[in-house]
């Protein structure tokens, strides 16, 4: 799966699906985040901040693992 600007491409063994939007997915997400922070309205964000932080932690660990070729341990919280 790749997300580039206004296109989402899903690669499956038997087919490739390309979905095209009318607006830039990243800009829409960024605008929603900025609006949520500026107004304090967390309901604008589809996932709780804690979940978003965990997703970021996992993403950064995956990037580090890919760079180093070694496993990266994530400490479980709570």
C-alpha atoms as a PDB file:
ATOM      1  CA  UNK A   1       0.000   0.000   0.000  1.00  0.00           C
ATOM      2  CA  UNK A   2       1.294   3.457  -0.876  1.00  0.00           C
ATOM      3  CA  UNK A   3      -0.165   6.892  -0.291  1.00  0.00           C
ATOM      4  CA  UNK A   4       1.032   9.653  -2.574  1.00  0.00           C
ATOM      5  CA  UNK A   5      -0.726  13.008  -2.584  1.00  0.00           C
ATOM      6  CA  UNK A   6      -4.250  12.278  -3.797  1.00  0.00           C
ATOM      7  CA  UNK A   7      -3.745   8.578  -4.702  1.00  0.00           C
ATOM      8  CA  UNK A   8      -3.894   5.447  -2.554  1.00  0.00           C
ATOM      9  CA  UNK A   9      -2.468   2.336  -4.220  1.00  0.00           C
ATOM     10  CA  UNK A  10      -3.213  -1.110  -2.793  1.00  0.00           C
ATOM     11  CA  UNK A  11      -1.111  -3.960  -4.184  1.00  0.00           C
ATOM     12  CA  UNK A  12      -2.576  -7.436  -3.880  1.00  0.00           C
ATOM     13  CA  UNK A  13      -1.258 -10.660  -5.421  1.00  0.00           C
ATOM     14  CA  UNK A  14      -4.045 -10.780  -8.008  1.00  0.00           C
ATOM     15  CA  UNK A  15      -4.738  -7.074  -8.530  1.00  0.00           C
ATOM     16  CA  UNK A  16      -3.693  -3.485  -8.000  1.00  0.00           C
ATOM     17  CA  UNK A  17      -6.313  -1.037  -6.749  1.00  0.00           C
ATOM     18  CA  UNK A  18      -5.778   2.705  -7.149  1.00  0.00           C
ATOM     19  CA  UNK A  19      -8.108   5.080  -5.333  1.00  0.00           C
ATOM     20  CA  UNK A  20      -7.915   8.746  -6.229  1.00  0.00           C
ATOM     21  CA  UNK A  21      -9.166  11.516  -3.972  1.00  0.00           C
ATOM     22  CA  UNK A  22      -9.966  15.133  -4.735  1.00  0.00           C
ATOM     23  CA  UNK A  23      -7.638  16.523  -2.080  1.00  0.00           C
ATOM     24  CA  UNK A  24      -4.194  15.778  -0.683  1.00  0.00           C
ATOM     25  CA  UNK A  25      -4.628  13.173   2.089  1.00  0.00           C
ATOM     26  CA  UNK A  26      -1.646  14.470   4.045  1.00  0.00           C
ATOM     27  CA  UNK A  27      -2.860  18.076   3.946  1.00  0.00           C
ATOM     28  CA  UNK A  28      -6.319  17.047   5.171  1.00  0.00           C
ATOM     29  CA  UNK A  29      -4.746  15.147   8.091  1.00  0.00           C
ATOM     30  CA  UNK A  30      -2.375  18.004   8.899  1.00  0.00           C
ATOM     31  CA  UNK A  31      -5.193  20.564   8.793  1.00  0.00           C
ATOM     32  CA  UNK A  32      -7.350  18.443  11.127  1.00  0.00           C
ATOM     33  CA  UNK A  33      -4.475  18.014  13.585  1.00  0.00           C
ATOM     34  CA  UNK A  34      -3.642  21.730  13.585  1.00  0.00           C
ATOM     35  CA  UNK A  35      -7.331  22.604  14.070  1.00  0.00           C
ATOM     36  CA  UNK A  36      -7.598  20.123  16.969  1.00  0.00           C
ATOM     37  CA  UNK A  37      -4.528  21.555  18.703  1.00  0.00           C
ATOM     38  CA  UNK A  38      -5.568  25.168  18.099  1.00  0.00           C
ATOM     39  CA  UNK A  39      -9.105  24.660  19.397  1.00  0.00           C
ATOM     40  CA  UNK A  40      -8.446  21.938  21.970  1.00  0.00           C
ATOM     41  CA  UNK A  41     -11.152  19.832  20.280  1.00  0.00           C
ATOM     42  CA  UNK A  42      -9.863  16.257  20.341  1.00  0.00           C
ATOM     43  CA  UNK A  43     -13.025  14.990  18.599  1.00  0.00           C
ATOM     44  CA  UNK A  44     -11.579  16.243  15.291  1.00  0.00           C
ATOM     45  CA  UNK A  45      -8.884  13.546  15.537  1.00  0.00           C
ATOM     46  CA  UNK A  46     -10.091  10.022  14.720  1.00  0.00           C
ATOM     47  CA  UNK A  47      -7.698   8.340  17.175  1.00  0.00           C
ATOM     48  CA  UNK A  48      -6.877   9.358  20.763  1.00  0.00           C
ATOM     49  CA  UNK A  49      -3.557  11.178  21.182  1.00  0.00           C
ATOM     50  CA  UNK A  50      -2.165   8.237  23.193  1.00  0.00           C
ATOM     51  CA  UNK A  51      -2.894   5.841  20.329  1.00  0.00           C
ATOM     52  CA  UNK A  52      -1.305   8.228  17.846  1.00  0.00           C
ATOM     53  CA  UNK A  53       1.826   8.448  20.000  1.00  0.00           C
ATOM     54  CA  UNK A  54       2.014   4.645  20.178  1.00  0.00           C
ATOM     55  CA  UNK A  55       1.647   4.453  16.379  1.00  0.00           C
ATOM     56  CA  UNK A  56       4.490   6.949  16.018  1.00  0.00           C
ATOM     57  CA  UNK A  57       6.640   4.924  18.442  1.00  0.00           C
ATOM     58  CA  UNK A  58       6.044   1.719  16.457  1.00  0.00           C
ATOM     59  CA  UNK A  59       6.711   3.485  13.150  1.00  0.00           C
ATOM     60  CA  UNK A  60       9.994   4.965  14.383  1.00  0.00           C
ATOM     61  CA  UNK A  61      11.048   1.572  15.769  1.00  0.00           C
ATOM     62  CA  UNK A  62      10.260  -0.094  12.443  1.00  0.00           C
ATOM     63  CA  UNK A  63      12.296   2.543  10.603  1.00  0.00           C
ATOM     64  CA  UNK A  64      15.235   2.047  12.976  1.00  0.00           C
ATOM     65  CA  UNK A  65      15.016  -1.730  12.591  1.00  0.00           C
ATOM     66  CA  UNK A  66      14.974  -1.406   8.800  1.00  0.00           C
ATOM     67  CA  UNK A  67      17.985   0.938   8.937  1.00  0.00           C
ATOM     68  CA  UNK A  68      20.042  -1.169  11.344  1.00  0.00           C
ATOM     69  CA  UNK A  69      18.849  -4.645  10.359  1.00  0.00           C
ATOM     70  CA  UNK A  70      18.316  -5.427  14.054  1.00  0.00           C
ATOM     71  CA  UNK A  71      15.192  -5.889  16.184  1.00  0.00           C
ATOM     72  CA  UNK A  72      14.056  -2.849  18.145  1.00  0.00           C
ATOM     73  CA  UNK A  73      12.296  -3.386  21.476  1.00  0.00           C
ATOM     74  CA  UNK A  74       9.358  -1.208  22.443  1.00  0.00           C
ATOM     75  CA  UNK A  75       8.670  -0.988  26.166  1.00  0.00           C
ATOM     76  CA  UNK A  76       5.054  -1.711  27.043  1.00  0.00           C
ATOM     77  CA  UNK A  77       3.451   1.079  29.039  1.00  0.00           C
ATOM     78  CA  UNK A  78       0.642   1.013  31.559  1.00  0.00           C
END
